[in-house]
């Protein structure tokens, strides 16, 4: 830098203007380097996937400067990569040499999996890394899990590609392969909540033209074993034996329910039925109240919102946020068909509600399952104890139809032979449940 009077004096001698001389001086100054700035930190507020460039992060620079070809690091897991391209939106992406403090733009990382880049993470440089992340980052964890299976088993590959594409644009959506003896190949999917689950399923149906069947949704339980170890369980089939479990914790929510005044009684009854507690009641105006209550997350997964709308005649609404885990008396309920457990119908329920739900499921199965030539026992069991039972009667074949007369002993002989055959068939016979029955049951429980 030079004093202004010297620049003016030089401009008089050379015939150049002050602006031209200052521009020439600035051009001779060395360019600032990205690592001259302390602790560069950039916040990732969104990301998208490009088949050619990989993951593109949308960032805001909070401190320092990040330049093209600089080595960067994701502070949540320490993953390192190189900036392939950096720029701003003008409004289309416009490549630049660097982004400085206060700037908003994009960074092409070259990472091929969008799951490796987490929204809310902090980017820093490898040469001068920051010591602390930007505040507020919290890794997204799914809270609701459900199995998704194609109605047509030949659509499995199509479903696999579809959930993969959705995962690219939705980092909160998780999935892993799962196999069911009843429903075939599918995926165990994790969602942030009920609304997220409905959106994903609807997108799969509309955008990818898939006919799906979803299993009964479940939440993440924390199981403490008798030896002191703890594990997280989101699938009823993964729940350990009763003798190995010390206690089970389930997630709870704090819900704010807006409802008309004349619906308070029915709403409190619904909350009590769902094992909830009303903590606070606030009058909004002459016609509306707001109920603040705590509920187990598992109890609102299926029909709570529908019953809320029915009770309030469509005028009620609900918002909720996750609270904490609480210890509850939870058990795994299995459905036995002809003494054989059916994995697709296994659920984790509260012990007080196991009998009611078991009876309802057995009655529904009795209506749907086709009759066989022998009696079929439908049972709901908890830890080896039968809590509900229904029986599907045998389909009787008229073996005496060919007897038009003669001695009665002819008919008795045929009936006795049929009786022995049915007894033997009951011992060795297997019940094959058609997939249509699973579809009807799961649709009715969802």
Protein backbone atom coordinates (compact mmCIF):
# COMPACT_ATOMS: atom_id res chain seq x y z
CA UNK A 1 0.00 0.00 0.00
CA UNK A 2 1.17 3.62 -0.69
CA UNK A 3 -0.10 6.98 0.64
CA UNK A 4 -2.84 8.65 -1.38
CA UNK A 5 -0.80 11.80 -2.02
CA UNK A 6 2.01 9.74 -3.59
CA UNK A 7 -0.53 8.03 -5.85
CA UNK A 8 -1.92 11.42 -6.95
CA UNK A 9 1.59 12.82 -7.50
CA UNK A 10 2.51 9.75 -9.57
CA UNK A 11 -0.66 10.10 -11.60
CA UNK A 12 0.30 13.69 -12.52
CA UNK A 13 3.69 12.61 -13.80
CA UNK A 14 2.53 9.58 -15.70
CA UNK A 15 -0.74 10.96 -17.00
CA UNK A 16 -2.71 8.05 -15.50
CA UNK A 17 -5.71 8.39 -13.25
CA UNK A 18 -5.68 7.44 -9.59
CA UNK A 19 -8.01 4.50 -10.22
CA UNK A 20 -5.70 3.04 -12.86
CA UNK A 21 -2.66 3.33 -10.55
CA UNK A 22 -4.54 1.75 -7.60
CA UNK A 23 -5.73 -1.09 -9.85
CA UNK A 24 -2.16 -1.71 -11.01
CA UNK A 25 -0.95 -1.78 -7.39
CA UNK A 26 -3.73 -4.19 -6.34
CA UNK A 27 -2.89 -6.48 -9.26
CA UNK A 28 0.70 -6.69 -8.03
CA UNK A 29 -0.35 -7.70 -4.50
CA UNK A 30 -0.13 -11.47 -3.76
CA UNK A 31 -3.40 -13.39 -3.85
CA UNK A 32 -4.64 -14.50 -0.43
CA UNK A 33 -4.35 -18.24 0.15
CA UNK A 34 -7.22 -20.28 1.63
CA UNK A 35 -5.01 -21.57 4.43
CA UNK A 36 -4.11 -18.04 5.54
CA UNK A 37 -7.46 -17.83 7.35
CA UNK A 38 -7.83 -19.55 10.75
CA UNK A 39 -10.16 -22.50 11.27
CA UNK A 40 -12.37 -22.59 8.19
CA UNK A 41 -15.85 -23.91 9.05
CA UNK A 42 -18.80 -24.42 6.71
CA UNK A 43 -22.28 -25.68 7.59
CA UNK A 44 -23.95 -28.25 5.30
CA UNK A 45 -27.64 -27.30 5.13
CA UNK A 46 -28.64 -29.50 2.18
CA UNK A 47 -27.20 -31.94 -0.35
CA UNK A 48 -28.09 -33.63 -3.60
CA UNK A 49 -26.65 -36.39 -5.74
CA UNK A 50 -25.33 -35.96 -9.27
CA UNK A 51 -24.49 -39.07 -11.28
CA UNK A 52 -21.37 -37.40 -12.71
CA UNK A 53 -20.14 -35.21 -9.84
CA UNK A 54 -21.24 -37.28 -6.84
CA UNK A 55 -22.62 -35.61 -3.73
CA UNK A 56 -23.05 -31.82 -4.01
CA UNK A 57 -23.19 -30.08 -0.62
CA UNK A 58 -24.99 -26.78 -0.15
CA UNK A 59 -22.98 -24.85 2.43
CA UNK A 60 -22.67 -21.56 4.27
CA UNK A 61 -19.19 -20.40 5.26
CA UNK A 62 -19.17 -19.27 8.91
CA UNK A 63 -15.45 -18.61 9.21
CA UNK A 64 -12.31 -18.75 7.08
CA UNK A 65 -12.21 -19.59 3.41
CA UNK A 66 -12.51 -22.81 1.40
CA UNK A 67 -10.94 -22.95 -2.06
CA UNK A 68 -11.06 -25.26 -5.04
CA UNK A 69 -8.73 -28.30 -4.84
CA UNK A 70 -8.40 -27.86 -1.07
CA UNK A 71 -8.43 -30.93 1.15
CA UNK A 72 -11.53 -30.91 3.39
CA UNK A 73 -12.77 -33.00 6.26
CA UNK A 74 -16.27 -33.81 7.60
CA UNK A 75 -16.06 -33.22 11.33
CA UNK A 76 -18.78 -35.70 12.38
CA UNK A 77 -16.88 -38.82 11.29
CA UNK A 78 -13.48 -37.49 10.13
CA UNK A 79 -14.04 -38.44 6.46
CA UNK A 80 -11.56 -36.64 4.17
CA UNK A 81 -11.94 -35.69 0.52
CA UNK A 82 -10.97 -32.97 -1.95
CA UNK A 83 -13.00 -30.07 -3.29
CA UNK A 84 -13.58 -30.87 -6.95
CA UNK A 85 -15.59 -27.71 -7.61
CA UNK A 86 -16.86 -24.81 -5.55
CA UNK A 87 -19.13 -21.95 -6.45
CA UNK A 88 -22.22 -19.90 -5.78
CA UNK A 89 -25.79 -19.68 -7.11
CA UNK A 90 -26.39 -16.84 -9.56
CA UNK A 91 -29.15 -18.19 -9.70
CA UNK A 92 -27.67 -21.17 -11.56
CA UNK A 93 -24.50 -22.77 -10.15
CA UNK A 94 -21.51 -20.60 -11.03
CA UNK A 95 -18.01 -22.06 -10.37
CA UNK A 96 -15.57 -19.88 -8.40
CA UNK A 97 -12.07 -20.19 -7.02
CA UNK A 98 -13.19 -20.05 -3.38
CA UNK A 99 -15.96 -19.22 -0.92
CA UNK A 100 -15.22 -16.88 1.95
CA UNK A 101 -16.75 -16.07 5.32
CA UNK A 102 -20.44 -15.22 5.00
CA UNK A 103 -20.74 -16.77 1.55
CA UNK A 104 -23.39 -19.31 0.55
CA UNK A 105 -22.81 -21.77 -2.28
CA UNK A 106 -22.08 -25.36 -3.18
CA UNK A 107 -19.17 -27.77 -2.85
CA UNK A 108 -18.65 -30.78 -5.10
CA UNK A 109 -16.97 -33.41 -2.93
CA UNK A 110 -16.72 -36.42 -5.23
CA UNK A 111 -18.26 -38.65 -2.52
CA UNK A 112 -20.46 -41.27 -4.19
CA UNK A 113 -22.89 -42.06 -1.36
CA UNK A 114 -25.19 -39.34 -0.08
CA UNK A 115 -25.50 -41.22 3.24
CA UNK A 116 -21.86 -40.30 3.99
CA UNK A 117 -22.75 -36.58 4.01
CA UNK A 118 -25.00 -35.64 6.91
CA UNK A 119 -27.16 -32.53 6.97
CA UNK A 120 -25.99 -30.17 9.73
CA UNK A 121 -22.40 -31.44 9.62
CA UNK A 122 -19.41 -29.06 9.61
CA UNK A 123 -16.78 -28.95 6.85
CA UNK A 124 -13.26 -27.83 7.69
CA UNK A 125 -9.92 -27.99 5.89
CA UNK A 126 -7.28 -30.68 6.35
CA UNK A 127 -4.31 -28.28 6.58
CA UNK A 128 -5.85 -26.00 9.25
CA UNK A 129 -8.70 -27.99 10.81
CA UNK A 130 -11.17 -26.44 13.23
CA UNK A 131 -11.26 -27.81 16.76
CA UNK A 132 -15.01 -27.45 17.41
CA UNK A 133 -18.00 -28.16 15.20
CA UNK A 134 -20.66 -25.58 14.59
CA UNK A 135 -23.29 -25.88 17.36
CA UNK A 136 -26.62 -27.57 16.81
CA UNK A 137 -25.58 -30.68 14.88
CA UNK A 138 -27.49 -33.81 15.85
CA UNK A 139 -27.38 -37.01 13.85
CA UNK A 140 -30.74 -38.10 12.49
CA UNK A 141 -32.00 -41.40 13.88
CA UNK A 142 -35.11 -43.21 12.63
CA UNK A 143 -37.84 -43.67 15.24
CA UNK A 144 -40.46 -45.69 13.37
CA UNK A 145 -39.76 -48.92 11.46
CA UNK A 146 -41.92 -50.87 9.06
CA UNK A 147 -41.39 -53.61 6.48
CA UNK A 148 -42.18 -52.82 2.84
CA UNK A 149 -42.87 -55.71 0.46
CA UNK A 150 -44.05 -55.68 -3.16
CA UNK A 151 -47.42 -57.30 -3.81
CA UNK A 152 -45.92 -58.88 -6.92
CA UNK A 153 -42.68 -60.65 -5.99
CA UNK A 154 -41.28 -59.89 -9.46
CA UNK A 155 -41.21 -56.17 -8.50
CA UNK A 156 -38.49 -56.71 -5.88
CA UNK A 157 -35.68 -55.35 -8.07
CA UNK A 158 -37.84 -52.36 -9.01
CA UNK A 159 -38.50 -51.68 -5.32
CA UNK A 160 -34.79 -52.00 -4.56
CA UNK A 161 -33.89 -49.35 -7.15
CA UNK A 162 -36.75 -47.11 -6.02
CA UNK A 163 -35.81 -47.03 -2.32
CA UNK A 164 -32.18 -46.45 -3.37
CA UNK A 165 -33.21 -43.35 -5.34
CA UNK A 166 -35.30 -42.03 -2.46
CA UNK A 167 -32.35 -42.56 -0.12
CA UNK A 168 -30.19 -40.29 -2.30
CA UNK A 169 -32.43 -37.30 -1.63
CA UNK A 170 -33.56 -38.16 1.90
CA UNK A 171 -30.74 -38.82 4.36
CA UNK A 172 -33.23 -39.57 7.18
CA UNK A 173 -34.68 -42.59 5.33
CA UNK A 174 -32.92 -45.91 5.97
CA UNK A 175 -33.53 -49.40 4.64
CA UNK A 176 -32.04 -52.87 4.70
CA UNK A 177 -32.98 -56.12 3.02
CA UNK A 178 -35.40 -58.40 4.85
CA UNK A 179 -36.92 -61.78 4.06
CA UNK A 180 -40.29 -63.05 5.26
CA UNK A 181 -41.53 -66.59 4.83
CA UNK A 182 -44.99 -65.19 4.15
CA UNK A 183 -44.32 -62.07 2.11
CA UNK A 184 -41.08 -62.94 0.34
CA UNK A 185 -38.26 -60.44 -0.19
CA UNK A 186 -38.60 -56.86 0.97
CA UNK A 187 -36.96 -54.13 3.05
CA UNK A 188 -37.00 -53.09 6.68
CA UNK A 189 -37.30 -49.29 6.48
CA UNK A 190 -36.71 -46.63 9.12
CA UNK A 191 -38.55 -43.29 9.24
CA UNK A 192 -38.43 -40.16 11.36
CA UNK A 193 -42.10 -40.44 12.25
CA UNK A 194 -45.57 -41.30 11.03
CA UNK A 195 -45.81 -38.48 8.49
CA UNK A 196 -42.41 -39.37 7.05
CA UNK A 197 -43.51 -43.01 6.70
CA UNK A 198 -46.72 -42.04 4.88
CA UNK A 199 -44.84 -39.72 2.50
CA UNK A 200 -42.27 -42.37 1.57
CA UNK A 201 -44.92 -45.01 0.93
CA UNK A 202 -47.00 -42.63 -1.15
CA UNK A 203 -44.00 -41.57 -3.21
CA UNK A 204 -43.17 -45.19 -3.94
CA UNK A 205 -46.73 -45.76 -5.13
CA UNK A 206 -47.09 -42.61 -7.22
CA UNK A 207 -43.61 -41.91 -8.59
CA UNK A 208 -42.45 -45.49 -9.11
CA UNK A 209 -45.80 -47.21 -9.73
CA UNK A 210 -45.35 -49.86 -7.04
CA UNK A 211 -48.08 -51.80 -5.23
CA UNK A 212 -46.83 -52.31 -1.69
CA UNK A 213 -47.87 -54.05 1.49
CA UNK A 214 -46.41 -52.70 4.73
CA UNK A 215 -46.09 -54.66 7.95
CA UNK A 216 -47.29 -53.42 11.32
CA UNK A 217 -45.10 -50.40 12.21
CA UNK A 218 -42.89 -50.63 15.28
CA UNK A 219 -40.55 -48.36 17.23
CA UNK A 220 -37.05 -48.77 18.65
CA UNK A 221 -37.06 -50.46 22.05
CA UNK A 222 -34.11 -50.49 24.44
CA UNK A 223 -33.80 -53.95 25.98
CA UNK A 224 -31.66 -54.49 29.07
CA UNK A 225 -30.62 -58.12 29.54
CA UNK A 226 -30.09 -59.92 32.84
CA UNK A 227 -26.31 -59.77 32.40
CA UNK A 228 -26.46 -55.95 32.27
CA UNK A 229 -25.90 -55.52 28.53
CA UNK A 230 -28.28 -53.38 26.49
CA UNK A 231 -29.43 -53.67 22.88
CA UNK A 232 -31.84 -51.82 20.60
CA UNK A 233 -34.65 -53.81 18.98
CA UNK A 234 -36.91 -52.59 16.17
CA UNK A 235 -38.12 -55.98 14.94
CA UNK A 236 -40.24 -58.29 17.15
CA UNK A 237 -38.33 -61.31 15.83
CA UNK A 238 -35.08 -59.91 17.32
CA UNK A 239 -36.49 -59.68 20.85
CA UNK A 240 -34.56 -62.06 23.16
CA UNK A 241 -36.22 -64.79 25.21
CA UNK A 242 -38.21 -63.69 28.26
CA UNK A 243 -35.78 -65.38 30.64
CA UNK A 244 -32.92 -63.24 29.32
CA UNK A 245 -34.69 -59.85 29.62
CA UNK A 246 -34.39 -57.71 32.73
CA UNK A 247 -36.59 -54.83 31.50
CA UNK A 248 -37.65 -53.06 28.29
CA UNK A 249 -37.76 -49.29 27.74
CA UNK A 250 -40.05 -47.77 25.11
CA UNK A 251 -39.96 -44.24 23.59
CA UNK A 252 -42.56 -41.71 24.68
CA UNK A 253 -43.77 -38.44 23.19
CA UNK A 254 -45.18 -35.14 24.40
CA UNK A 255 -48.29 -34.39 22.34
CA UNK A 256 -50.21 -31.12 22.01
CA UNK A 257 -53.80 -31.83 20.99
CA UNK A 258 -56.15 -29.06 19.85
CA UNK A 259 -59.79 -30.05 20.21
CA UNK A 260 -63.25 -28.46 20.63
CA UNK A 261 -64.55 -28.03 24.18
CA UNK A 262 -67.34 -30.57 23.77
CA UNK A 263 -64.83 -33.31 22.87
CA UNK A 264 -62.68 -33.13 26.01
CA UNK A 265 -64.30 -36.12 27.71
CA UNK A 266 -63.91 -38.44 24.74
CA UNK A 267 -60.35 -37.23 24.13
CA UNK A 268 -59.33 -37.94 27.74
CA UNK A 269 -60.86 -41.42 27.42
CA UNK A 270 -58.85 -42.02 24.22
CA UNK A 271 -55.63 -40.83 25.88
CA UNK A 272 -56.23 -43.13 28.85
CA UNK A 273 -56.97 -46.06 26.53
CA UNK A 274 -53.62 -45.46 24.79
CA UNK A 275 -51.77 -45.58 28.13
CA UNK A 276 -51.28 -41.81 28.13
CA UNK A 277 -51.39 -39.16 30.84
CA UNK A 278 -52.84 -35.66 30.39
CA UNK A 279 -50.34 -33.28 31.99
CA UNK A 280 -51.92 -29.91 31.27
CA UNK A 281 -55.13 -28.42 29.87
CA UNK A 282 -55.18 -24.89 28.45
CA UNK A 283 -58.20 -22.96 27.21
CA UNK A 284 -57.44 -21.21 23.94
CA UNK A 285 -60.77 -19.46 23.45
CA UNK A 286 -64.47 -20.07 24.06
CA UNK A 287 -64.62 -23.10 21.78
CA UNK A 288 -61.15 -24.68 21.79
CA UNK A 289 -58.76 -26.23 24.29
CA UNK A 290 -55.24 -27.58 24.06
CA UNK A 291 -54.33 -30.79 25.88
CA UNK A 292 -50.69 -31.48 26.68
CA UNK A 293 -50.16 -35.17 27.34
CA UNK A 294 -47.47 -37.82 27.35
CA UNK A 295 -48.04 -41.00 25.33
CA UNK A 296 -46.04 -44.07 24.31
CA UNK A 297 -44.98 -43.66 20.68
CA UNK A 298 -46.08 -47.20 19.86
CA UNK A 299 -49.69 -46.39 20.77
CA UNK A 300 -50.15 -43.64 18.16
CA UNK A 301 -48.69 -45.53 15.19
CA UNK A 302 -51.87 -46.91 13.69
CA UNK A 303 -55.30 -45.52 14.52
CA UNK A 304 -54.76 -42.66 16.97
CA UNK A 305 -55.01 -39.86 14.41
CA UNK A 306 -58.08 -41.42 12.75
CA UNK A 307 -59.88 -41.73 16.06
CA UNK A 308 -58.86 -38.19 17.00
CA UNK A 309 -60.49 -36.87 13.82
CA UNK A 310 -63.57 -39.00 14.42
CA UNK A 311 -64.05 -37.83 18.00
CA UNK A 312 -63.59 -34.14 17.13
CA UNK A 313 -65.60 -34.40 13.88
CA UNK A 314 -62.54 -33.33 11.90
CA UNK A 315 -61.77 -30.23 14.00
CA UNK A 316 -59.01 -31.76 16.13
CA UNK A 317 -55.30 -31.70 15.35
CA UNK A 318 -52.16 -33.02 16.99
CA UNK A 319 -48.47 -32.20 17.09
CA UNK A 320 -45.87 -34.17 19.00
CA UNK A 321 -42.18 -34.30 19.83
CA UNK A 322 -40.04 -37.09 21.19
CA UNK A 323 -39.52 -37.10 24.94
CA UNK A 324 -37.65 -39.94 26.64
CA UNK A 325 -37.53 -43.70 27.17
CA UNK A 326 -39.60 -45.20 29.98
CA UNK A 327 -39.68 -48.73 31.37
CA UNK A 328 -42.85 -50.65 30.46
CA UNK A 329 -44.19 -54.18 30.78
CA UNK A 330 -43.83 -55.19 27.13
CA UNK A 331 -44.04 -58.68 25.67
CA UNK A 332 -43.81 -60.34 22.27
CA UNK A 333 -47.10 -61.76 21.07
CA UNK A 334 -47.01 -64.56 18.49
CA UNK A 335 -49.80 -65.98 16.37
CA UNK A 336 -49.77 -69.77 16.02
CA UNK A 337 -51.55 -71.39 13.07
CA UNK A 338 -51.93 -75.13 13.65
CA UNK A 339 -49.29 -74.82 16.43
CA UNK A 340 -46.77 -73.21 14.04
CA UNK A 341 -45.74 -69.55 14.70
CA UNK A 342 -46.21 -67.10 11.81
CA UNK A 343 -43.40 -64.50 11.87
CA UNK A 344 -45.32 -61.88 9.87
CA UNK A 345 -47.94 -61.53 12.65
CA UNK A 346 -45.50 -61.19 15.59
CA UNK A 347 -45.75 -57.88 17.46
CA UNK A 348 -44.45 -56.26 20.64
CA UNK A 349 -47.38 -55.13 22.79
CA UNK A 350 -48.08 -54.10 26.36
CA UNK A 351 -49.00 -57.05 28.55
CA UNK A 352 -52.40 -55.56 29.47
CA UNK A 353 -53.36 -55.23 25.79
CA UNK A 354 -51.96 -58.53 24.57
CA UNK A 355 -55.16 -60.53 25.16
CA UNK A 356 -57.44 -57.98 23.48
CA UNK A 357 -55.23 -57.65 20.44
CA UNK A 358 -54.66 -61.42 20.26
CA UNK A 359 -58.41 -62.13 20.26
CA UNK A 360 -59.06 -59.54 17.57
CA UNK A 361 -56.30 -60.93 15.35
CA UNK A 362 -57.47 -64.53 15.76
CA UNK A 363 -61.05 -63.57 14.90
CA UNK A 364 -59.88 -61.75 11.80
CA UNK A 365 -57.77 -64.72 10.72
CA UNK A 366 -60.73 -67.04 11.19
CA UNK A 367 -62.72 -64.99 8.68
CA UNK A 368 -59.93 -64.83 6.11
CA UNK A 369 -58.12 -68.17 6.13
CA UNK A 370 -59.61 -70.86 3.88
CA UNK A 371 -60.97 -74.01 5.51
CA UNK A 372 -59.09 -77.30 5.30
CA UNK A 373 -60.16 -80.95 5.58
CA UNK A 374 -59.17 -80.84 9.26
CA UNK A 375 -59.67 -78.39 12.12
CA UNK A 376 -57.18 -75.51 12.36
CA UNK A 377 -56.35 -73.93 15.72
CA UNK A 378 -55.57 -70.21 15.68
CA UNK A 379 -53.80 -69.17 18.88
CA UNK A 380 -52.22 -66.03 20.32
CA UNK A 381 -49.31 -66.80 22.63
CA UNK A 382 -47.15 -64.75 24.97
CA UNK A 383 -44.03 -66.49 26.24
CA UNK A 384 -45.49 -69.95 25.67
CA UNK A 385 -48.82 -69.11 27.34
CA UNK A 386 -51.94 -69.20 25.13
CA UNK A 387 -54.04 -66.06 25.70
CA UNK A 388 -56.59 -66.35 22.87
CA UNK A 389 -57.89 -69.07 20.55
CA UNK A 390 -60.20 -69.54 17.60
CA UNK A 391 -60.89 -72.73 15.65
CA UNK A 392 -61.57 -73.03 11.93
CA UNK A 393 -63.94 -75.93 11.38
CA UNK A 394 -63.04 -78.81 9.09
CA UNK A 395 -64.28 -78.85 5.53
CA UNK A 396 -66.34 -82.03 5.47
CA UNK A 397 -66.54 -84.17 2.40
CA UNK A 398 -69.77 -86.16 2.05
CA UNK A 399 -68.34 -89.68 1.78
CA UNK A 400 -71.80 -91.27 2.12
CA UNK A 401 -73.19 -89.63 -0.99
CA UNK A 402 -72.71 -92.81 -3.03
CA UNK A 403 -74.77 -94.95 -0.58
CA UNK A 404 -78.34 -94.94 -1.81
CA UNK A 405 -79.59 -97.74 0.35
CA UNK A 406 -78.58 -100.92 2.10
CA UNK A 407 -77.50 -101.48 5.67
CA UNK A 408 -76.62 -98.51 7.93
CA UNK A 409 -73.31 -100.20 8.74
CA UNK A 410 -72.08 -99.25 5.25
CA UNK A 411 -72.37 -95.54 6.09
CA UNK A 412 -70.86 -96.04 9.55
CA UNK A 413 -67.91 -97.83 8.03
CA UNK A 414 -67.24 -94.98 5.59
CA UNK A 415 -67.60 -92.29 8.30
CA UNK A 416 -65.24 -94.19 10.61
CA UNK A 417 -62.68 -94.46 7.83
CA UNK A 418 -63.00 -90.71 7.18
CA UNK A 419 -62.55 -89.99 10.88
CA UNK A 420 -59.29 -91.94 11.01
CA UNK A 421 -58.04 -90.19 7.87
CA UNK A 422 -58.76 -86.76 9.32
CA UNK A 423 -56.99 -87.68 12.55
CA UNK A 424 -53.91 -88.75 10.60
CA UNK A 425 -54.11 -85.64 8.38
CA UNK A 426 -54.25 -83.37 11.43
CA UNK A 427 -50.99 -84.89 12.69
CA UNK A 428 -49.02 -84.54 9.47
CA UNK A 429 -50.92 -81.82 7.60
CA UNK A 430 -49.51 -78.32 7.04
CA UNK A 431 -51.48 -75.13 6.61
CA UNK A 432 -50.27 -72.98 3.71
CA UNK A 433 -51.48 -69.45 4.27
CA UNK A 434 -52.13 -67.68 0.93
CA UNK A 435 -50.50 -64.29 0.44
CA UNK A 436 -53.92 -62.69 -0.06
CA UNK A 437 -54.67 -63.52 3.58
CA UNK A 438 -51.52 -61.73 4.75
CA UNK A 439 -52.41 -58.71 2.63
CA UNK A 440 -55.92 -58.50 4.08
CA UNK A 441 -54.72 -58.91 7.66
CA UNK A 442 -51.95 -56.33 7.37
CA UNK A 443 -54.23 -53.84 5.62
CA UNK A 444 -56.85 -54.23 8.34
CA UNK A 445 -54.27 -53.75 11.14
CA UNK A 446 -52.67 -50.78 9.39
